[in-house]
Amino acid sequence: MEDKLPNNLEVGERIRKIREGLKMNREKFSEMIDISDVFLGQIERGERSLSLKTLYKIVLFTGVSTDFILFGNNSNNSTINKINRILSKSSDANIEYFYEIINCSHVFFKTYKDLK
């Protein structure tokens, strides 16, 4: 069972890559997830473990799955994660608007594909 536990060093490395992918420095990212930049640095270096609360904040802010953060399982599509991150910060009215855009685009491309 021991080998199935998340490895702090690997978890920290994935979090660092997520942060860098967002083009954020440690200070800004830690501010967004409400932890100190010192603590974030310790997590990224594998010196400290994530609490459930911190993991939740990272997932909520980034849209990245807990499965990826903890175990590196990358079954999620990164584009979907980016869309989810935008949606999580949007009003209900904007979410409905985004849905209409996506749905219209889907119908258009499906129709266009059928015409080929």
PDB file of N, CA and C in Angstrom:
ATOM      1  N   MET A   1       0.825  -1.196   0.000  1.00  0.00           N
ATOM      2  CA  MET A   1       0.000   0.000   0.000  1.00  0.00           C
ATOM      3  C   MET A   1       0.868   1.257   0.000  1.00  0.00           C
ATOM      4  N   GLU A   2       2.018   1.188   0.583  1.00  0.00           N
ATOM      5  CA  GLU A   2       2.911   2.342   0.707  1.00  0.00           C
ATOM      6  C   GLU A   2       3.253   2.957  -0.643  1.00  0.00           C
ATOM      7  N   ASP A   3       3.492   2.103  -1.677  1.00  0.00           N
ATOM      8  CA  ASP A   3       3.895   2.630  -2.974  1.00  0.00           C
ATOM      9  C   ASP A   3       2.749   3.331  -3.713  1.00  0.00           C
ATOM     10  N   LYS A   4       1.527   3.221  -3.221  1.00  0.00           N
ATOM     11  CA  LYS A   4       0.390   3.879  -3.862  1.00  0.00           C
ATOM     12  C   LYS A   4       0.142   5.279  -3.311  1.00  0.00           C
ATOM     13  N   LEU A   5       0.858   5.647  -2.268  1.00  0.00           N
ATOM     14  CA  LEU A   5       0.704   6.983  -1.697  1.00  0.00           C
ATOM     15  C   LEU A   5       1.364   8.007  -2.618  1.00  0.00           C
ATOM     16  N   PRO A   6       0.816   9.212  -2.667  1.00  0.00           N
ATOM     17  CA  PRO A   6       1.441  10.248  -3.492  1.00  0.00           C
ATOM     18  C   PRO A   6       2.857  10.551  -3.019  1.00  0.00           C
ATOM     19  N   ASN A   7       3.745  10.777  -3.939  1.00  0.00           N
ATOM     20  CA  ASN A   7       5.122  11.138  -3.655  1.00  0.00           C
ATOM     21  C   ASN A   7       5.212  12.665  -3.592  1.00  0.00           C
ATOM     22  N   ASN A   8       5.617  13.204  -2.436  1.00  0.00           N
ATOM     23  CA  ASN A   8       5.644  14.659  -2.249  1.00  0.00           C
ATOM     24  C   ASN A   8       6.484  15.387  -3.291  1.00  0.00           C
ATOM     25  N   LEU A   9       7.614  14.808  -3.655  1.00  0.00           N
ATOM     26  CA  LEU A   9       8.488  15.448  -4.635  1.00  0.00           C
ATOM     27  C   LEU A   9       7.809  15.527  -5.999  1.00  0.00           C
ATOM     28  N   GLU A  10       7.174  14.435  -6.411  1.00  0.00           N
ATOM     29  CA  GLU A  10       6.479  14.410  -7.701  1.00  0.00           C
ATOM     30  C   GLU A  10       5.258  15.323  -7.690  1.00  0.00           C
ATOM     31  N   VAL A  11       4.502  15.328  -6.591  1.00  0.00           N
ATOM     32  CA  VAL A  11       3.339  16.211  -6.459  1.00  0.00           C
ATOM     33  C   VAL A  11       3.796  17.664  -6.562  1.00  0.00           C
ATOM     34  N   GLY A  12       4.845  18.005  -5.847  1.00  0.00           N
ATOM     35  CA  GLY A  12       5.363  19.368  -5.880  1.00  0.00           C
ATOM     36  C   GLY A  12       5.823  19.783  -7.261  1.00  0.00           C
ATOM     37  N   GLU A  13       6.461  18.862  -7.955  1.00  0.00           N
ATOM     38  CA  GLU A  13       6.923  19.150  -9.313  1.00  0.00           C
ATOM     39  C   GLU A  13       5.740  19.402 -10.249  1.00  0.00           C
ATOM     40  N   ARG A  14       4.686  18.600 -10.113  1.00  0.00           N
ATOM     41  CA  ARG A  14       3.495  18.807 -10.950  1.00  0.00           C
ATOM     42  C   ARG A  14       2.838  20.160 -10.648  1.00  0.00           C
ATOM     43  N   ILE A  15       2.768  20.520  -9.379  1.00  0.00           N
ATOM     44  CA  ILE A  15       2.186  21.808  -9.005  1.00  0.00           C
ATOM     45  C   ILE A  15       3.027  22.953  -9.569  1.00  0.00           C
ATOM     46  N   ARG A  16       4.327  22.829  -9.499  1.00  0.00           N
ATOM     47  CA  ARG A  16       5.208  23.859 -10.062  1.00  0.00           C
ATOM     48  C   ARG A  16       4.965  23.998 -11.565  1.00  0.00           C
ATOM     49  N   LYS A  17       4.847  22.875 -12.262  1.00  0.00           N
ATOM     50  CA  LYS A  17       4.613  22.919 -13.714  1.00  0.00           C
ATOM     51  C   LYS A  17       3.249  23.525 -14.037  1.00  0.00           C
ATOM     52  N   ILE A  18       2.261  23.218 -13.224  1.00  0.00           N
ATOM     53  CA  ILE A  18       0.931  23.817 -13.411  1.00  0.00           C
ATOM     54  C   ILE A  18       1.041  25.331 -13.249  1.00  0.00           C
ATOM     55  N   ARG A  19       1.709  25.764 -12.175  1.00  0.00           N
ATOM     56  CA  ARG A  19       1.879  27.199 -11.904  1.00  0.00           C
ATOM     57  C   ARG A  19       2.622  27.885 -13.047  1.00  0.00           C
ATOM     58  N   GLU A  20       3.704  27.276 -13.492  1.00  0.00           N
ATOM     59  CA  GLU A  20       4.481  27.857 -14.580  1.00  0.00           C
ATOM     60  C   GLU A  20       3.677  27.876 -15.877  1.00  0.00           C
ATOM     61  N   GLY A  21       2.849  26.850 -16.078  1.00  0.00           N
ATOM     62  CA  GLY A  21       1.979  26.821 -17.257  1.00  0.00           C
ATOM     63  C   GLY A  21       0.976  27.957 -17.262  1.00  0.00           C
ATOM     64  N   LEU A  22       0.630  28.417 -16.076  1.00  0.00           N
ATOM     65  CA  LEU A  22      -0.268  29.568 -15.939  1.00  0.00           C
ATOM     66  C   LEU A  22       0.490  30.891 -16.017  1.00  0.00           C
ATOM     67  N   LYS A  23       1.816  30.789 -16.195  1.00  0.00           N
ATOM     68  CA  LYS A  23       2.699  31.959 -16.265  1.00  0.00           C
ATOM     69  C   LYS A  23       2.577  32.821 -15.006  1.00  0.00           C
ATOM     70  N   MET A  24       2.561  32.149 -13.860  1.00  0.00           N
ATOM     71  CA  MET A  24       2.447  32.847 -12.586  1.00  0.00           C
ATOM     72  C   MET A  24       3.698  32.599 -11.757  1.00  0.00           C
ATOM     73  N   ASN A  25       4.123  33.633 -11.052  1.00  0.00           N
ATOM     74  CA  ASN A  25       5.220  33.430 -10.121  1.00  0.00           C
ATOM     75  C   ASN A  25       4.658  32.825  -8.835  1.00  0.00           C
ATOM     76  N   ARG A  26       5.555  32.407  -7.975  1.00  0.00           N
ATOM     77  CA  ARG A  26       5.149  31.739  -6.737  1.00  0.00           C
ATOM     78  C   ARG A  26       4.286  32.655  -5.858  1.00  0.00           C
ATOM     79  N   GLU A  27       4.646  33.908  -5.816  1.00  0.00           N
ATOM     80  CA  GLU A  27       3.918  34.855  -4.968  1.00  0.00           C
ATOM     81  C   GLU A  27       2.464  35.014  -5.415  1.00  0.00           C
ATOM     82  N   LYS A  28       2.256  35.192  -6.717  1.00  0.00           N
ATOM     83  CA  LYS A  28       0.902  35.404  -7.241  1.00  0.00           C
ATOM     84  C   LYS A  28       0.054  34.133  -7.094  1.00  0.00           C
ATOM     85  N   PHE A  29       0.643  32.985  -7.430  1.00  0.00           N
ATOM     86  CA  PHE A  29      -0.097  31.721  -7.334  1.00  0.00           C
ATOM     87  C   PHE A  29      -0.487  31.445  -5.887  1.00  0.00           C
ATOM     88  N   SER A  30       0.447  31.637  -4.964  1.00  0.00           N
ATOM     89  CA  SER A  30       0.149  31.376  -3.554  1.00  0.00           C
ATOM     90  C   SER A  30      -0.934  32.320  -3.040  1.00  0.00           C
ATOM     91  N   GLU A  31      -0.931  33.547  -3.541  1.00  0.00           N
ATOM     92  CA  GLU A  31      -1.981  34.498  -3.166  1.00  0.00           C
ATOM     93  C   GLU A  31      -3.345  34.012  -3.662  1.00  0.00           C
ATOM     94  N   MET A  32      -3.385  33.474  -4.872  1.00  0.00           N
ATOM     95  CA  MET A  32      -4.650  33.015  -5.451  1.00  0.00           C
ATOM     96  C   MET A  32      -5.216  31.803  -4.719  1.00  0.00           C
ATOM     97  N   ILE A  33      -4.344  30.975  -4.126  1.00  0.00           N
ATOM     98  CA  ILE A  33      -4.833  29.799  -3.398  1.00  0.00           C
ATOM     99  C   ILE A  33      -4.758  29.990  -1.889  1.00  0.00           C
ATOM    100  N   ASP A  34      -4.445  31.211  -1.475  1.00  0.00           N
ATOM    101  CA  ASP A  34      -4.498  31.614  -0.071  1.00  0.00           C
ATOM    102  C   ASP A  34      -3.563  30.820   0.843  1.00  0.00           C
ATOM    103  N   ILE A  35      -2.309  30.686   0.382  1.00  0.00           N
ATOM    104  CA  ILE A  35      -1.256  30.127   1.238  1.00  0.00           C
ATOM    105  C   ILE A  35      -0.044  31.035   1.089  1.00  0.00           C
ATOM    106  N   SER A  36       0.940  30.878   1.951  1.00  0.00           N
ATOM    107  CA  SER A  36       2.141  31.713   1.840  1.00  0.00           C
ATOM    108  C   SER A  36       3.025  31.200   0.704  1.00  0.00           C
ATOM    109  N   ASP A  37       3.800  32.112   0.122  1.00  0.00           N
ATOM    110  CA  ASP A  37       4.710  31.710  -0.943  1.00  0.00           C
ATOM    111  C   ASP A  37       5.808  30.797  -0.403  1.00  0.00           C
ATOM    112  N   VAL A  38       6.158  30.940   0.860  1.00  0.00           N
ATOM    113  CA  VAL A  38       7.156  30.062   1.485  1.00  0.00           C
ATOM    114  C   VAL A  38       6.606  28.625   1.539  1.00  0.00           C
ATOM    115  N   PHE A  39       5.359  28.489   1.969  1.00  0.00           N
ATOM    116  CA  PHE A  39       4.728  27.168   2.043  1.00  0.00           C
ATOM    117  C   PHE A  39       4.610  26.557   0.645  1.00  0.00           C
ATOM    118  N   LEU A  40       4.229  27.365  -0.351  1.00  0.00           N
ATOM    119  CA  LEU A  40       4.144  26.865  -1.726  1.00  0.00           C
ATOM    120  C   LEU A  40       5.503  26.372  -2.193  1.00  0.00           C
ATOM    121  N   GLY A  41       6.552  27.112  -1.877  1.00  0.00           N
ATOM    122  CA  GLY A  41       7.900  26.673  -2.241  1.00  0.00           C
ATOM    123  C   GLY A  41       8.253  25.342  -1.600  1.00  0.00           C
ATOM    124  N   GLN A  42       7.882  25.166  -0.335  1.00  0.00           N
ATOM    125  CA  GLN A  42       8.135  23.896   0.355  1.00  0.00           C
ATOM    126  C   GLN A  42       7.370  22.754  -0.293  1.00  0.00           C
ATOM    127  N   ILE A  43       6.130  23.024  -0.703  1.00  0.00           N
ATOM    128  CA  ILE A  43       5.331  21.996  -1.391  1.00  0.00           C
ATOM    129  C   ILE A  43       5.989  21.651  -2.719  1.00  0.00           C
ATOM    130  N   GLU A  44       6.358  22.667  -3.492  1.00  0.00           N
ATOM    131  CA  GLU A  44       6.951  22.427  -4.811  1.00  0.00           C
ATOM    132  C   GLU A  44       8.271  21.673  -4.727  1.00  0.00           C
ATOM    133  N   ARG A  45       9.018  21.850  -3.648  1.00  0.00           N
ATOM    134  CA  ARG A  45      10.288  21.124  -3.469  1.00  0.00           C
ATOM    135  C   ARG A  45      10.094  19.753  -2.816  1.00  0.00           C
ATOM    136  N   GLY A  46       8.846  19.431  -2.462  1.00  0.00           N
ATOM    137  CA  GLY A  46       8.562  18.145  -1.836  1.00  0.00           C
ATOM    138  C   GLY A  46       8.897  18.087  -0.367  1.00  0.00           C
ATOM    139  N   GLU A  47       9.158  19.233   0.244  1.00  0.00           N
ATOM    140  CA  GLU A  47       9.518  19.283   1.664  1.00  0.00           C
ATOM    141  C   GLU A  47       8.296  19.194   2.571  1.00  0.00           C
ATOM    142  N   ARG A  48       7.141  19.579   2.064  1.00  0.00           N
ATOM    143  CA  ARG A  48       5.894  19.554   2.841  1.00  0.00           C
ATOM    144  C   ARG A  48       4.810  18.865   2.018  1.00  0.00           C
ATOM    145  N   SER A  49       3.853  18.296   2.712  1.00  0.00           N
ATOM    146  CA  SER A  49       2.709  17.655   2.063  1.00  0.00           C
ATOM    147  C   SER A  49       1.565  18.643   1.919  1.00  0.00           C
ATOM    148  N   LEU A  50       0.737  18.384   0.938  1.00  0.00           N
ATOM    149  CA  LEU A  50      -0.480  19.176   0.748  1.00  0.00           C
ATOM    150  C   LEU A  50      -1.528  18.784   1.774  1.00  0.00           C
ATOM    151  N   SER A  51      -2.246  19.751   2.282  1.00  0.00           N
ATOM    152  CA  SER A  51      -3.438  19.425   3.065  1.00  0.00           C
ATOM    153  C   SER A  51      -4.582  19.262   2.065  1.00  0.00           C
ATOM    154  N   LEU A  52      -5.641  18.640   2.502  1.00  0.00           N
ATOM    155  CA  LEU A  52      -6.815  18.498   1.652  1.00  0.00           C
ATOM    156  C   LEU A  52      -7.351  19.868   1.255  1.00  0.00           C
ATOM    157  N   LYS A  53      -7.324  20.803   2.190  1.00  0.00           N
ATOM    158  CA  LYS A  53      -7.805  22.163   1.933  1.00  0.00           C
ATOM    159  C   LYS A  53      -6.973  22.841   0.838  1.00  0.00           C
ATOM    160  N   THR A  54      -5.658  22.720   0.897  1.00  0.00           N
ATOM    161  CA  THR A  54      -4.791  23.325  -0.113  1.00  0.00           C
ATOM    162  C   THR A  54      -4.973  22.646  -1.465  1.00  0.00           C
ATOM    163  N   LEU A  55      -5.083  21.326  -1.462  1.00  0.00           N
ATOM    164  CA  LEU A  55      -5.332  20.594  -2.700  1.00  0.00           C
ATOM    165  C   LEU A  55      -6.625  21.076  -3.341  1.00  0.00           C
ATOM    166  N   TYR A  56      -7.662  21.222  -2.534  1.00  0.00           N
ATOM    167  CA  TYR A  56      -8.959  21.690  -3.025  1.00  0.00           C
ATOM    168  C   TYR A  56      -8.832  23.073  -3.658  1.00  0.00           C
ATOM    169  N   LYS A  57      -8.103  23.969  -3.013  1.00  0.00           N
ATOM    170  CA  LYS A  57      -7.937  25.325  -3.540  1.00  0.00           C
ATOM    171  C   LYS A  57      -7.187  25.315  -4.872  1.00  0.00           C
ATOM    172  N   ILE A  58      -6.172  24.457  -4.988  1.00  0.00           N
ATOM    173  CA  ILE A  58      -5.415  24.361  -6.241  1.00  0.00           C
ATOM    174  C   ILE A  58      -6.311  23.838  -7.358  1.00  0.00           C
ATOM    175  N   VAL A  59      -7.071  22.794  -7.069  1.00  0.00           N
ATOM    176  CA  VAL A  59      -7.982  22.215  -8.059  1.00  0.00           C
ATOM    177  C   VAL A  59      -9.024  23.244  -8.481  1.00  0.00           C
ATOM    178  N   LEU A  60      -9.599  23.940  -7.520  1.00  0.00           N
ATOM    179  CA  LEU A  60     -10.621  24.936  -7.810  1.00  0.00           C
ATOM    180  C   LEU A  60     -10.056  26.071  -8.668  1.00  0.00           C
ATOM    181  N   PHE A  61      -8.865  26.526  -8.349  1.00  0.00           N
ATOM    182  CA  PHE A  61      -8.260  27.639  -9.083  1.00  0.00           C
ATOM    183  C   PHE A  61      -7.776  27.228 -10.469  1.00  0.00           C
ATOM    184  N   THR A  62      -7.159  26.054 -10.590  1.00  0.00           N
ATOM    185  CA  THR A  62      -6.528  25.677 -11.858  1.00  0.00           C
ATOM    186  C   THR A  62      -7.409  24.839 -12.768  1.00  0.00           C
ATOM    187  N   GLY A  63      -8.375  24.117 -12.199  1.00  0.00           N
ATOM    188  CA  GLY A  63      -9.182  23.210 -12.998  1.00  0.00           C
ATOM    189  C   GLY A  63      -8.498  21.883 -13.277  1.00  0.00           C
ATOM    190  N   VAL A  64      -7.316  21.686 -12.726  1.00  0.00           N
ATOM    191  CA  VAL A  64      -6.574  20.438 -12.915  1.00  0.00           C
ATOM    192  C   VAL A  64      -7.127  19.399 -11.937  1.00  0.00           C
ATOM    193  N   SER A  65      -7.199  18.157 -12.359  1.00  0.00           N
ATOM    194  CA  SER A  65      -7.786  17.116 -11.518  1.00  0.00           C
ATOM    195  C   SER A  65      -6.879  16.742 -10.349  1.00  0.00           C
ATOM    196  N   THR A  66      -7.491  16.295  -9.270  1.00  0.00           N
ATOM    197  CA  THR A  66      -6.722  15.802  -8.126  1.00  0.00           C
ATOM    198  C   THR A  66      -5.926  14.564  -8.536  1.00  0.00           C
ATOM    199  N   ASP A  67      -6.489  13.765  -9.419  1.00  0.00           N
ATOM    200  CA  ASP A  67      -5.818  12.554  -9.880  1.00  0.00           C
ATOM    201  C   ASP A  67      -4.491  12.905 -10.553  1.00  0.00           C
ATOM    202  N   PHE A  68      -4.482  13.976 -11.323  1.00  0.00           N
ATOM    203  CA  PHE A  68      -3.233  14.396 -11.962  1.00  0.00           C
ATOM    204  C   PHE A  68      -2.261  14.951 -10.935  1.00  0.00           C
ATOM    205  N   ILE A  69      -2.741  15.828 -10.055  1.00  0.00           N
ATOM    206  CA  ILE A  69      -1.849  16.444  -9.072  1.00  0.00           C
ATOM    207  C   ILE A  69      -1.217  15.387  -8.177  1.00  0.00           C
ATOM    208  N   LEU A  70      -2.010  14.457  -7.666  1.00  0.00           N
ATOM    209  CA  LEU A  70      -1.494  13.478  -6.720  1.00  0.00           C
ATOM    210  C   LEU A  70      -0.730  12.333  -7.371  1.00  0.00           C
ATOM    211  N   PHE A  71      -1.205  11.856  -8.528  1.00  0.00           N
ATOM    212  CA  PHE A  71      -0.625  10.641  -9.099  1.00  0.00           C
ATOM    213  C   PHE A  71      -0.072  10.793 -10.516  1.00  0.00           C
ATOM    214  N   GLY A  72      -0.281  11.949 -11.122  1.00  0.00           N
ATOM    215  CA  GLY A  72       0.238  12.162 -12.470  1.00  0.00           C
ATOM    216  C   GLY A  72      -0.602  11.546 -13.563  1.00  0.00           C
ATOM    217  N   ASN A  73      -1.783  11.038 -13.213  1.00  0.00           N
ATOM    218  CA  ASN A  73      -2.665  10.450 -14.222  1.00  0.00           C
ATOM    219  C   ASN A  73      -3.248  11.574 -15.063  1.00  0.00           C
ATOM    220  N   ASN A  74      -2.881  11.590 -16.321  1.00  0.00           N
ATOM    221  CA  ASN A  74      -3.248  12.709 -17.188  1.00  0.00           C
ATOM    222  C   ASN A  74      -4.354  12.319 -18.153  1.00  0.00           C
ATOM    223  N   SER A  75      -5.478  11.871 -17.616  1.00  0.00           N
ATOM    224  CA  SER A  75      -6.588  11.497 -18.483  1.00  0.00           C
ATOM    225  C   SER A  75      -7.422  12.705 -18.864  1.00  0.00           C
ATOM    226  N   ASN A  76      -7.200  13.838 -18.201  1.00  0.00           N
ATOM    227  CA  ASN A  76      -7.964  15.045 -18.516  1.00  0.00           C
ATOM    228  C   ASN A  76      -7.349  15.779 -19.690  1.00  0.00           C
ATOM    229  N   ASN A  77      -8.206  16.353 -20.495  1.00  0.00           N
ATOM    230  CA  ASN A  77      -7.784  17.162 -21.617  1.00  0.00           C
ATOM    231  C   ASN A  77      -7.410  18.549 -21.102  1.00  0.00           C
ATOM    232  N   SER A  78      -6.225  19.035 -21.428  1.00  0.00           N
ATOM    233  CA  SER A  78      -5.776  20.325 -20.904  1.00  0.00           C
ATOM    234  C   SER A  78      -6.651  21.479 -21.399  1.00  0.00           C
ATOM    235  N   THR A  79      -7.212  21.367 -22.603  1.00  0.00           N
ATOM    236  CA  THR A  79      -8.099  22.416 -23.105  1.00  0.00           C
ATOM    237  C   THR A  79      -9.367  22.470 -22.279  1.00  0.00           C
ATOM    238  N   ILE A  80      -9.898  21.324 -21.921  1.00  0.00           N
ATOM    239  CA  ILE A  80     -11.090  21.286 -21.072  1.00  0.00           C
ATOM    240  C   ILE A  80     -10.773  21.897 -19.712  1.00  0.00           C
ATOM    241  N   ASN A  81      -9.602  21.623 -19.182  1.00  0.00           N
ATOM    242  CA  ASN A  81      -9.194  22.231 -17.906  1.00  0.00           C
ATOM    243  C   ASN A  81      -9.155  23.748 -18.006  1.00  0.00           C
ATOM    244  N   LYS A  82      -8.646  24.264 -19.118  1.00  0.00           N
ATOM    245  CA  LYS A  82      -8.586  25.710 -19.304  1.00  0.00           C
ATOM    246  C   LYS A  82      -9.992  26.303 -19.379  1.00  0.00           C
ATOM    247  N   ILE A  83     -10.885  25.632 -20.085  1.00  0.00           N
ATOM    248  CA  ILE A  83     -12.270  26.093 -20.184  1.00  0.00           C
ATOM    249  C   ILE A  83     -12.929  26.061 -18.813  1.00  0.00           C
ATOM    250  N   ASN A  84     -12.720  24.985 -18.076  1.00  0.00           N
ATOM    251  CA  ASN A  84     -13.295  24.883 -16.731  1.00  0.00           C
ATOM    252  C   ASN A  84     -12.793  25.995 -15.809  1.00  0.00           C
ATOM    253  N   ARG A  85     -11.532  26.359 -15.955  1.00  0.00           N
ATOM    254  CA  ARG A  85     -10.966  27.428 -15.135  1.00  0.00           C
ATOM    255  C   ARG A  85     -11.670  28.753 -15.438  1.00  0.00           C
ATOM    256  N   ILE A  86     -11.934  29.011 -16.721  1.00  0.00           N
ATOM    257  CA  ILE A  86     -12.661  30.230 -17.104  1.00  0.00           C
ATOM    258  C   ILE A  86     -14.088  30.182 -16.568  1.00  0.00           C
ATOM    259  N   LEU A  87     -14.750  29.039 -16.750  1.00  0.00           N
ATOM    260  CA  LEU A  87     -16.141  28.918 -16.308  1.00  0.00           C
ATOM    261  C   LEU A  87     -16.283  29.064 -14.803  1.00  0.00           C
ATOM    262  N   SER A  88     -15.320  28.557 -14.056  1.00  0.00           N
ATOM    263  CA  SER A  88     -15.416  28.617 -12.595  1.00  0.00           C
ATOM    264  C   SER A  88     -15.359  30.053 -12.076  1.00  0.00           C
ATOM    265  N   LYS A  89     -14.869  30.960 -12.914  1.00  0.00           N
ATOM    266  CA  LYS A  89     -14.764  32.362 -12.510  1.00  0.00           C
ATOM    267  C   LYS A  89     -15.822  33.233 -13.181  1.00  0.00           C
ATOM    268  N   SER A  90     -16.771  32.615 -13.878  1.00  0.00           N
ATOM    269  CA  SER A  90     -17.754  33.362 -14.657  1.00  0.00           C
ATOM    270  C   SER A  90     -19.114  33.385 -13.977  1.00  0.00           C
ATOM    271  N   SER A  91     -19.888  34.401 -14.331  1.00  0.00           N
ATOM    272  CA  SER A  91     -21.260  34.498 -13.822  1.00  0.00           C
ATOM    273  C   SER A  91     -22.141  33.486 -14.543  1.00  0.00           C
ATOM    274  N   ASP A  92     -23.305  33.207 -13.981  1.00  0.00           N
ATOM    275  CA  ASP A  92     -24.241  32.277 -14.613  1.00  0.00           C
ATOM    276  C   ASP A  92     -24.645  32.754 -16.003  1.00  0.00           C
ATOM    277  N   ALA A  93     -24.841  34.060 -16.148  1.00  0.00           N
ATOM    278  CA  ALA A  93     -25.226  34.610 -17.450  1.00  0.00           C
ATOM    279  C   ALA A  93     -24.118  34.384 -18.483  1.00  0.00           C
ATOM    280  N   ASN A  94     -22.860  34.602 -18.082  1.00  0.00           N
ATOM    281  CA  ASN A  94     -21.754  34.371 -19.010  1.00  0.00           C
ATOM    282  C   ASN A  94     -21.601  32.897 -19.350  1.00  0.00           C
ATOM    283  N   ILE A  95     -21.827  32.030 -18.388  1.00  0.00           N
ATOM    284  CA  ILE A  95     -21.739  30.590 -18.652  1.00  0.00           C
ATOM    285  C   ILE A  95     -22.774  30.182 -19.695  1.00  0.00           C
ATOM    286  N   GLU A  96     -23.979  30.705 -19.576  1.00  0.00           N
ATOM    287  CA  GLU A  96     -25.034  30.418 -20.555  1.00  0.00           C
ATOM    288  C   GLU A  96     -24.626  30.946 -21.934  1.00  0.00           C
ATOM    289  N   TYR A  97     -24.043  32.126 -21.980  1.00  0.00           N
ATOM    290  CA  TYR A  97     -23.566  32.712 -23.228  1.00  0.00           C
ATOM    291  C   TYR A  97     -22.474  31.829 -23.854  1.00  0.00           C
ATOM    292  N   PHE A  98     -21.518  31.394 -23.048  1.00  0.00           N
ATOM    293  CA  PHE A  98     -20.452  30.518 -23.544  1.00  0.00           C
ATOM    294  C   PHE A  98     -21.036  29.215 -24.091  1.00  0.00           C
ATOM    295  N   TYR A  99     -22.029  28.676 -23.391  1.00  0.00           N
ATOM    296  CA  TYR A  99     -22.670  27.444 -23.841  1.00  0.00           C
ATOM    297  C   TYR A  99     -23.284  27.648 -25.230  1.00  0.00           C
ATOM    298  N   GLU A 100     -23.979  28.757 -25.415  1.00  0.00           N
ATOM    299  CA  GLU A 100     -24.617  29.028 -26.707  1.00  0.00           C
ATOM    300  C   GLU A 100     -23.568  29.129 -27.812  1.00  0.00           C
ATOM    301  N   ILE A 101     -22.453  29.768 -27.535  1.00  0.00           N
ATOM    302  CA  ILE A 101     -21.381  29.873 -28.526  1.00  0.00           C
ATOM    303  C   ILE A 101     -20.852  28.489 -28.886  1.00  0.00           C
ATOM    304  N   ILE A 102     -20.588  27.678 -27.877  1.00  0.00           N
ATOM    305  CA  ILE A 102     -20.052  26.339 -28.120  1.00  0.00           C
ATOM    306  C   ILE A 102     -21.062  25.483 -28.871  1.00  0.00           C
ATOM    307  N   ASN A 103     -22.315  25.543 -28.466  1.00  0.00           N
ATOM    308  CA  ASN A 103     -23.348  24.740 -29.116  1.00  0.00           C
ATOM    309  C   ASN A 103     -23.525  25.150 -30.579  1.00  0.00           C
ATOM    310  N   CYS A 104     -23.569  26.454 -30.843  1.00  0.00           N
ATOM    311  CA  CYS A 104     -23.697  26.928 -32.235  1.00  0.00           C
ATOM    312  C   CYS A 104     -22.495  26.488 -33.068  1.00  0.00           C
ATOM    313  N   SER A 105     -21.313  26.575 -32.487  1.00  0.00           N
ATOM    314  CA  SER A 105     -20.103  26.144 -33.191  1.00  0.00           C
ATOM    315  C   SER A 105     -20.154  24.655 -33.492  1.00  0.00           C
ATOM    316  N   HIS A 106     -20.606  23.885 -32.530  1.00  0.00           N
ATOM    317  CA  HIS A 106     -20.720  22.434 -32.703  1.00  0.00           C
ATOM    318  C   HIS A 106     -21.679  22.102 -33.850  1.00  0.00           C
ATOM    319  N   VAL A 107     -22.836  22.729 -33.849  1.00  0.00           N
ATOM    320  CA  VAL A 107     -23.830  22.499 -34.911  1.00  0.00           C
ATOM    321  C   VAL A 107     -23.258  22.911 -36.264  1.00  0.00           C
ATOM    322  N   PHE A 108     -22.593  24.063 -36.315  1.00  0.00           N
ATOM    323  CA  PHE A 108     -22.004  24.537 -37.563  1.00  0.00           C
ATOM    324  C   PHE A 108     -20.981  23.536 -38.106  1.00  0.00           C
ATOM    325  N   PHE A 109     -20.050  23.113 -37.264  1.00  0.00           N
ATOM    326  CA  PHE A 109     -18.999  22.213 -37.736  1.00  0.00           C
ATOM    327  C   PHE A 109     -19.543  20.845 -38.102  1.00  0.00           C
ATOM    328  N   LYS A 110     -20.551  20.394 -37.391  1.00  0.00           N
ATOM    329  CA  LYS A 110     -21.175  19.115 -37.727  1.00  0.00           C
ATOM    330  C   LYS A 110     -21.849  19.220 -39.093  1.00  0.00           C
ATOM    331  N   THR A 111     -22.552  20.323 -39.341  1.00  0.00           N
ATOM    332  CA  THR A 111     -23.213  20.541 -40.618  1.00  0.00           C
ATOM    333  C   THR A 111     -22.184  20.685 -41.735  1.00  0.00           C
ATOM    334  N   TYR A 112     -21.146  21.468 -41.481  1.00  0.00           N
ATOM    335  CA  TYR A 112     -20.104  21.673 -42.480  1.00  0.00           C
ATOM    336  C   TYR A 112     -19.413  20.361 -42.837  1.00  0.00           C
ATOM    337  N   LYS A 113     -19.153  19.531 -41.833  1.00  0.00           N
ATOM    338  CA  LYS A 113     -18.509  18.238 -42.059  1.00  0.00           C
ATOM    339  C   LYS A 113     -19.382  17.373 -42.947  1.00  0.00           C
ATOM    340  N   ASP A 114     -20.712  17.405 -42.720  1.00  0.00           N
ATOM    341  CA  ASP A 114     -21.634  16.593 -43.496  1.00  0.00           C
ATOM    342  C   ASP A 114     -21.740  17.063 -44.936  1.00  0.00           C
ATOM    343  N   LEU A 115     -21.433  18.337 -45.206  1.00  0.00           N
ATOM    344  CA  LEU A 115     -21.499  18.883 -46.566  1.00  0.00           C
ATOM    345  C   LEU A 115     -20.287  18.489 -47.408  1.00  0.00           C
ATOM    346  N   LYS A 116     -19.212  18.110 -46.767  1.00  0.00           N
ATOM    347  CA  LYS A 116     -17.969  17.762 -47.487  1.00  0.00           C
ATOM    348  C   LYS A 116     -18.095  16.502 -48.264  1.00  0.00           C
TER     349      LYS A 116
END
